[in-house]
Protein backbone atom coordinates (compact mmCIF):
# COMPACT_ATOMS: atom_id res chain seq x y z
CA UNK A 1 0.00 0.00 0.00
CA UNK A 2 1.02 3.58 -0.57
CA UNK A 3 1.74 6.19 2.06
CA UNK A 4 -0.99 8.79 2.51
CA UNK A 5 -1.49 11.97 4.49
CA UNK A 6 -4.15 13.08 6.91
CA UNK A 7 -4.02 16.66 8.17
CA UNK A 8 -0.42 16.98 6.95
CA UNK A 9 0.71 13.95 8.98
CA UNK A 10 2.19 11.09 7.02
CA UNK A 11 0.87 7.57 7.59
CA UNK A 12 2.09 4.27 6.24
CA UNK A 13 -0.52 1.52 6.45
CA UNK A 14 0.59 -1.51 8.38
CA UNK A 15 -0.15 -3.63 11.40
CA UNK A 16 -1.99 -1.77 14.16
CA UNK A 17 -0.32 -2.23 17.53
CA UNK A 18 -1.84 -1.30 20.86
CA UNK A 19 0.20 1.10 22.93
CA UNK A 20 0.26 0.71 26.70
CA UNK A 21 -1.67 3.39 28.52
CA UNK A 22 -0.56 4.30 32.01
CA UNK A 23 -3.70 5.56 33.69
CA UNK A 24 -3.56 6.63 37.28
CA UNK A 25 -5.77 9.06 39.15
CA UNK A 26 -4.24 11.14 41.90
CA UNK A 27 -6.40 11.52 44.96
CA UNK A 28 -5.05 14.99 45.75
CA UNK A 29 -7.78 16.95 43.96
CA UNK A 30 -9.08 20.04 45.72
CA UNK A 31 -12.67 20.50 44.52
CA UNK A 32 -12.85 24.06 45.84
CA UNK A 33 -9.82 25.10 43.77
CA UNK A 34 -11.25 23.43 40.69
CA UNK A 35 -14.62 25.13 41.15
CA UNK A 36 -12.93 28.50 41.70
CA UNK A 37 -10.80 28.11 38.55
CA UNK A 38 -13.85 26.99 36.56
CA UNK A 39 -15.76 30.07 37.70
CA UNK A 40 -12.84 32.33 36.69
CA UNK A 41 -12.65 30.63 33.28
CA UNK A 42 -16.41 31.02 32.80
CA UNK A 43 -16.26 34.72 33.67
CA UNK A 44 -13.30 35.26 31.35
CA UNK A 45 -15.15 33.50 28.52
CA UNK A 46 -18.23 35.66 29.07
CA UNK A 47 -16.10 38.82 29.09
CA UNK A 48 -14.29 37.82 25.88
CA UNK A 49 -17.60 37.05 24.20
CA UNK A 50 -19.00 40.44 25.29
CA UNK A 51 -15.91 42.22 23.90
CA UNK A 52 -16.17 40.29 20.64
CA UNK A 53 -19.84 41.19 20.23
CA UNK A 54 -19.03 44.86 20.90
CA UNK A 55 -16.31 44.83 18.23
CA UNK A 56 -18.70 43.21 15.75
CA UNK A 57 -21.30 45.91 16.42
CA UNK A 58 -18.66 48.64 15.97
CA UNK A 59 -17.60 47.16 12.62
CA UNK A 60 -21.19 46.97 11.39
CA UNK A 61 -21.89 50.55 12.44
CA UNK A 62 -18.59 51.72 10.91
CA UNK A 63 -19.25 49.94 7.60
PDB file of N, CA and C in Angstrom:
ATOM      1  N   UNK A   1       0.835  -1.193   0.000  1.00  0.00           N
ATOM      2  CA  UNK A   1       0.000   0.000   0.000  1.00  0.00           C
ATOM      3  C   UNK A   1       0.871   1.244   0.000  1.00  0.00           C
ATOM      4  N   UNK A   2       0.286   2.330  -0.490  1.00  0.00           N
ATOM      5  CA  UNK A   2       1.022   3.581  -0.566  1.00  0.00           C
ATOM      6  C   UNK A   2       0.879   4.362   0.732  1.00  0.00           C
ATOM      7  N   UNK A   3       1.816   5.273   0.932  1.00  0.00           N
ATOM      8  CA  UNK A   3       1.738   6.191   2.058  1.00  0.00           C
ATOM      9  C   UNK A   3       0.701   7.261   1.730  1.00  0.00           C
ATOM     10  N   UNK A   4      -0.014   7.736   2.732  1.00  0.00           N
ATOM     11  CA  UNK A   4      -0.995   8.790   2.514  1.00  0.00           C
ATOM     12  C   UNK A   4      -0.889   9.811   3.639  1.00  0.00           C
ATOM     13  N   UNK A   5      -1.551  10.940   3.466  1.00  0.00           N
ATOM     14  CA  UNK A   5      -1.486  11.970   4.491  1.00  0.00           C
ATOM     15  C   UNK A   5      -2.878  12.281   5.016  1.00  0.00           C
ATOM     16  N   UNK A   6      -2.924  12.663   6.259  1.00  0.00           N
ATOM     17  CA  UNK A   6      -4.149  13.080   6.907  1.00  0.00           C
ATOM     18  C   UNK A   6      -3.793  14.273   7.772  1.00  0.00           C
ATOM     19  N   UNK A   7      -4.338  15.433   7.430  1.00  0.00           N
ATOM     20  CA  UNK A   7      -4.024  16.662   8.171  1.00  0.00           C
ATOM     21  C   UNK A   7      -2.517  16.912   8.232  1.00  0.00           C
ATOM     22  N   UNK A   8      -1.859  16.734   7.091  1.00  0.00           N
ATOM     23  CA  UNK A   8      -0.423  16.984   6.954  1.00  0.00           C
ATOM     24  C   UNK A   8       0.451  16.059   7.801  1.00  0.00           C
ATOM     25  N   UNK A   9      -0.084  14.941   8.227  1.00  0.00           N
ATOM     26  CA  UNK A   9       0.706  13.953   8.975  1.00  0.00           C
ATOM     27  C   UNK A   9       0.797  12.711   8.098  1.00  0.00           C
ATOM     28  N   UNK A  10       2.005  12.239   7.884  1.00  0.00           N
ATOM     29  CA  UNK A  10       2.195  11.085   7.016  1.00  0.00           C
ATOM     30  C   UNK A  10       1.901   9.776   7.724  1.00  0.00           C
ATOM     31  N   UNK A  11       1.192   8.881   7.041  1.00  0.00           N
ATOM     32  CA  UNK A  11       0.869   7.565   7.588  1.00  0.00           C
ATOM     33  C   UNK A  11       1.272   6.503   6.590  1.00  0.00           C
ATOM     34  N   UNK A  12       1.804   5.421   7.079  1.00  0.00           N
ATOM     35  CA  UNK A  12       2.092   4.273   6.238  1.00  0.00           C
ATOM     36  C   UNK A  12       1.263   3.115   6.773  1.00  0.00           C
ATOM     37  N   UNK A  13       0.324   2.608   5.979  1.00  0.00           N
ATOM     38  CA  UNK A  13      -0.519   1.518   6.454  1.00  0.00           C
ATOM     39  C   UNK A  13       0.314   0.317   6.869  1.00  0.00           C
ATOM     40  N   UNK A  14      -0.106  -0.330   7.890  1.00  0.00           N
ATOM     41  CA  UNK A  14       0.591  -1.505   8.379  1.00  0.00           C
ATOM     42  C   UNK A  14      -0.161  -2.078   9.554  1.00  0.00           C
ATOM     43  N   UNK A  15       0.464  -2.981  10.252  1.00  0.00           N
ATOM     44  CA  UNK A  15      -0.148  -3.633  11.396  1.00  0.00           C
ATOM     45  C   UNK A  15      -0.432  -2.594  12.487  1.00  0.00           C
ATOM     46  N   UNK A  16      -1.619  -2.672  13.073  1.00  0.00           N
ATOM     47  CA  UNK A  16      -1.988  -1.772  14.158  1.00  0.00           C
ATOM     48  C   UNK A  16      -1.558  -2.423  15.471  1.00  0.00           C
ATOM     49  N   UNK A  17      -0.780  -1.699  16.250  1.00  0.00           N
ATOM     50  CA  UNK A  17      -0.323  -2.225  17.530  1.00  0.00           C
ATOM     51  C   UNK A  17      -0.882  -1.372  18.659  1.00  0.00           C
ATOM     52  N   UNK A  18      -1.340  -2.027  19.702  1.00  0.00           N
ATOM     53  CA  UNK A  18      -1.836  -1.302  20.857  1.00  0.00           C
ATOM     54  C   UNK A  18      -0.659  -0.740  21.640  1.00  0.00           C
ATOM     55  N   UNK A  19      -0.810   0.487  22.093  1.00  0.00           N
ATOM     56  CA  UNK A  19       0.203   1.097  22.934  1.00  0.00           C
ATOM     57  C   UNK A  19      -0.250   1.031  24.387  1.00  0.00           C
ATOM     58  N   UNK A  20       0.665   0.762  25.296  1.00  0.00           N
ATOM     59  CA  UNK A  20       0.262   0.708  26.702  1.00  0.00           C
ATOM     60  C   UNK A  20      -0.141   2.094  27.199  1.00  0.00           C
ATOM     61  N   UNK A  21      -1.197   2.132  27.962  1.00  0.00           N
ATOM     62  CA  UNK A  21      -1.671   3.388  28.520  1.00  0.00           C
ATOM     63  C   UNK A  21      -1.514   3.315  30.032  1.00  0.00           C
ATOM     64  N   UNK A  22      -0.724   4.235  30.561  1.00  0.00           N
ATOM     65  CA  UNK A  22      -0.558   4.297  32.007  1.00  0.00           C
ATOM     66  C   UNK A  22      -1.602   5.259  32.550  1.00  0.00           C
ATOM     67  N   UNK A  23      -2.600   4.740  33.197  1.00  0.00           N
ATOM     68  CA  UNK A  23      -3.700   5.556  33.685  1.00  0.00           C
ATOM     69  C   UNK A  23      -3.735   5.460  35.205  1.00  0.00           C
ATOM     70  N   UNK A  24      -3.545   6.604  35.829  1.00  0.00           N
ATOM     71  CA  UNK A  24      -3.564   6.628  37.283  1.00  0.00           C
ATOM     72  C   UNK A  24      -4.197   7.941  37.728  1.00  0.00           C
ATOM     73  N   UNK A  25      -5.090   7.870  38.659  1.00  0.00           N
ATOM     74  CA  UNK A  25      -5.766   9.056  39.154  1.00  0.00           C
ATOM     75  C   UNK A  25      -5.187   9.412  40.512  1.00  0.00           C
ATOM     76  N   UNK A  26      -4.749  10.659  40.616  1.00  0.00           N
ATOM     77  CA  UNK A  26      -4.241  11.139  41.898  1.00  0.00           C
ATOM     78  C   UNK A  26      -5.417  11.530  42.780  1.00  0.00           C
ATOM     79  N   UNK A  27      -5.318  11.216  44.026  1.00  0.00           N
ATOM     80  CA  UNK A  27      -6.396  11.516  44.960  1.00  0.00           C
ATOM     81  C   UNK A  27      -6.111  12.809  45.719  1.00  0.00           C
ATOM     82  N   UNK A  28      -5.411  13.747  45.078  1.00  0.00           N
ATOM     83  CA  UNK A  28      -5.052  14.994  45.748  1.00  0.00           C
ATOM     84  C   UNK A  28      -5.802  16.174  45.130  1.00  0.00           C
ATOM     85  N   UNK A  29      -7.005  15.920  44.623  1.00  0.00           N
ATOM     86  CA  UNK A  29      -7.781  16.955  43.958  1.00  0.00           C
ATOM     87  C   UNK A  29      -8.507  17.799  44.994  1.00  0.00           C
ATOM     88  N   UNK A  30      -8.366  19.115  44.848  1.00  0.00           N
ATOM     89  CA  UNK A  30      -9.077  20.035  45.724  1.00  0.00           C
ATOM     90  C   UNK A  30     -10.268  20.578  44.936  1.00  0.00           C
ATOM     91  N   UNK A  31     -11.470  20.118  45.287  1.00  0.00           N
ATOM     92  CA  UNK A  31     -12.667  20.499  44.523  1.00  0.00           C
ATOM     93  C   UNK A  31     -12.939  21.998  44.596  1.00  0.00           C
ATOM     94  N   UNK A  32     -12.631  22.621  45.710  1.00  0.00           N
ATOM     95  CA  UNK A  32     -12.855  24.061  45.839  1.00  0.00           C
ATOM     96  C   UNK A  32     -11.984  24.837  44.861  1.00  0.00           C
ATOM     97  N   UNK A  33     -10.712  24.438  44.723  1.00  0.00           N
ATOM     98  CA  UNK A  33      -9.816  25.102  43.774  1.00  0.00           C
ATOM     99  C   UNK A  33     -10.301  24.909  42.340  1.00  0.00           C
ATOM    100  N   UNK A  34     -10.756  23.711  42.031  1.00  0.00           N
ATOM    101  CA  UNK A  34     -11.247  23.430  40.686  1.00  0.00           C
ATOM    102  C   UNK A  34     -12.483  24.266  40.392  1.00  0.00           C
ATOM    103  N   UNK A  35     -13.407  24.335  41.341  1.00  0.00           N
ATOM    104  CA  UNK A  35     -14.619  25.132  41.146  1.00  0.00           C
ATOM    105  C   UNK A  35     -14.292  26.606  40.997  1.00  0.00           C
ATOM    106  N   UNK A  36     -13.335  27.093  41.782  1.00  0.00           N
ATOM    107  CA  UNK A  36     -12.930  28.496  41.701  1.00  0.00           C
ATOM    108  C   UNK A  36     -12.316  28.800  40.331  1.00  0.00           C
ATOM    109  N   UNK A  37     -11.433  27.921  39.865  1.00  0.00           N
ATOM    110  CA  UNK A  37     -10.804  28.112  38.553  1.00  0.00           C
ATOM    111  C   UNK A  37     -11.838  28.029  37.435  1.00  0.00           C
ATOM    112  N   UNK A  38     -12.791  27.108  37.567  1.00  0.00           N
ATOM    113  CA  UNK A  38     -13.848  26.989  36.562  1.00  0.00           C
ATOM    114  C   UNK A  38     -14.680  28.261  36.500  1.00  0.00           C
ATOM    115  N   UNK A  39     -14.994  28.828  37.659  1.00  0.00           N
ATOM    116  CA  UNK A  39     -15.756  30.068  37.701  1.00  0.00           C
ATOM    117  C   UNK A  39     -14.980  31.206  37.034  1.00  0.00           C
ATOM    118  N   UNK A  40     -13.674  31.301  37.318  1.00  0.00           N
ATOM    119  CA  UNK A  40     -12.842  32.329  36.686  1.00  0.00           C
ATOM    120  C   UNK A  40     -12.827  32.154  35.172  1.00  0.00           C
ATOM    121  N   UNK A  41     -12.665  30.907  34.717  1.00  0.00           N
ATOM    122  CA  UNK A  41     -12.648  30.630  33.278  1.00  0.00           C
ATOM    123  C   UNK A  41     -13.979  30.993  32.641  1.00  0.00           C
ATOM    124  N   UNK A  42     -15.085  30.690  33.311  1.00  0.00           N
ATOM    125  CA  UNK A  42     -16.407  31.018  32.796  1.00  0.00           C
ATOM    126  C   UNK A  42     -16.571  32.530  32.672  1.00  0.00           C
ATOM    127  N   UNK A  43     -16.152  33.262  33.707  1.00  0.00           N
ATOM    128  CA  UNK A  43     -16.255  34.720  33.675  1.00  0.00           C
ATOM    129  C   UNK A  43     -15.387  35.314  32.571  1.00  0.00           C
ATOM    130  N   UNK A  44     -14.180  34.774  32.398  1.00  0.00           N
ATOM    131  CA  UNK A  44     -13.296  35.260  31.346  1.00  0.00           C
ATOM    132  C   UNK A  44     -13.918  34.992  29.975  1.00  0.00           C
ATOM    133  N   UNK A  45     -14.506  33.826  29.790  1.00  0.00           N
ATOM    134  CA  UNK A  45     -15.151  33.501  28.525  1.00  0.00           C
ATOM    135  C   UNK A  45     -16.310  34.437  28.232  1.00  0.00           C
ATOM    136  N   UNK A  46     -17.109  34.732  29.250  1.00  0.00           N
ATOM    137  CA  UNK A  46     -18.227  35.658  29.066  1.00  0.00           C
ATOM    138  C   UNK A  46     -17.731  37.060  28.713  1.00  0.00           C
ATOM    139  N   UNK A  47     -16.658  37.498  29.362  1.00  0.00           N
ATOM    140  CA  UNK A  47     -16.096  38.821  29.091  1.00  0.00           C
ATOM    141  C   UNK A  47     -15.538  38.893  27.666  1.00  0.00           C
ATOM    142  N   UNK A  48     -14.826  37.852  27.240  1.00  0.00           N
ATOM    143  CA  UNK A  48     -14.288  37.819  25.882  1.00  0.00           C
ATOM    144  C   UNK A  48     -15.399  37.816  24.843  1.00  0.00           C
ATOM    145  N   UNK A  49     -16.465  37.070  25.110  1.00  0.00           N
ATOM    146  CA  UNK A  49     -17.595  37.045  24.200  1.00  0.00           C
ATOM    147  C   UNK A  49     -18.253  38.427  24.125  1.00  0.00           C
ATOM    148  N   UNK A  50     -18.412  39.097  25.259  1.00  0.00           N
ATOM    149  CA  UNK A  50     -18.997  40.437  25.289  1.00  0.00           C
ATOM    150  C   UNK A  50     -18.143  41.406  24.468  1.00  0.00           C
ATOM    151  N   UNK A  51     -16.810  41.347  24.661  1.00  0.00           N
ATOM    152  CA  UNK A  51     -15.912  42.222  23.904  1.00  0.00           C
ATOM    153  C   UNK A  51     -15.999  41.944  22.398  1.00  0.00           C
ATOM    154  N   UNK A  52     -16.068  40.676  22.047  1.00  0.00           N
ATOM    155  CA  UNK A  52     -16.168  40.286  20.641  1.00  0.00           C
ATOM    156  C   UNK A  52     -17.453  40.840  20.019  1.00  0.00           C
ATOM    157  N   UNK A  53     -18.565  40.695  20.743  1.00  0.00           N
ATOM    158  CA  UNK A  53     -19.837  41.186  20.228  1.00  0.00           C
ATOM    159  C   UNK A  53     -19.811  42.712  20.081  1.00  0.00           C
ATOM    160  N   UNK A  54     -19.159  43.409  21.010  1.00  0.00           N
ATOM    161  CA  UNK A  54     -19.032  44.864  20.898  1.00  0.00           C
ATOM    162  C   UNK A  54     -18.217  45.254  19.671  1.00  0.00           C
ATOM    163  N   UNK A  55     -17.123  44.533  19.407  1.00  0.00           N
ATOM    164  CA  UNK A  55     -16.310  44.832  18.229  1.00  0.00           C
ATOM    165  C   UNK A  55     -17.087  44.573  16.939  1.00  0.00           C
ATOM    166  N   UNK A  56     -17.887  43.494  16.941  1.00  0.00           N
ATOM    167  CA  UNK A  56     -18.701  43.211  15.751  1.00  0.00           C
ATOM    168  C   UNK A  56     -19.702  44.345  15.509  1.00  0.00           C
ATOM    169  N   UNK A  57     -20.342  44.825  16.561  1.00  0.00           N
ATOM    170  CA  UNK A  57     -21.298  45.915  16.422  1.00  0.00           C
ATOM    171  C   UNK A  57     -20.599  47.168  15.896  1.00  0.00           C
ATOM    172  N   UNK A  58     -19.410  47.458  16.401  1.00  0.00           N
ATOM    173  CA  UNK A  58     -18.658  48.638  15.970  1.00  0.00           C
ATOM    174  C   UNK A  58     -18.299  48.537  14.492  1.00  0.00           C
ATOM    175  N   UNK A  59     -17.942  47.330  14.035  1.00  0.00           N
ATOM    176  CA  UNK A  59     -17.604  47.164  12.621  1.00  0.00           C
ATOM    177  C   UNK A  59     -18.824  47.332  11.743  1.00  0.00           C
ATOM    178  N   UNK A  60     -19.972  46.843  12.181  1.00  0.00           N
ATOM    179  CA  UNK A  60     -21.190  46.971  11.392  1.00  0.00           C
ATOM    180  C   UNK A  60     -21.601  48.428  11.308  1.00  0.00           C
ATOM    181  N   UNK A  61     -21.523  49.141  12.423  1.00  0.00           N
ATOM    182  CA  UNK A  61     -21.889  50.552  12.439  1.00  0.00           C
ATOM    183  C   UNK A  61     -20.908  51.360  11.602  1.00  0.00           C
ATOM    184  N   UNK A  62     -19.619  50.994  11.655  1.00  0.00           N
ATOM    185  CA  UNK A  62     -18.591  51.721  10.913  1.00  0.00           C
ATOM    186  C   UNK A  62     -18.607  51.429   9.416  1.00  0.00           C
ATOM    187  N   UNK A  63     -19.264  50.349   9.009  1.00  0.00           N
ATOM    188  CA  UNK A  63     -19.246  49.943   7.597  1.00  0.00           C
ATOM    189  C   UNK A  63     -20.108  50.807   6.728  1.00  0.00           C
TER     190      UNK A  63
END
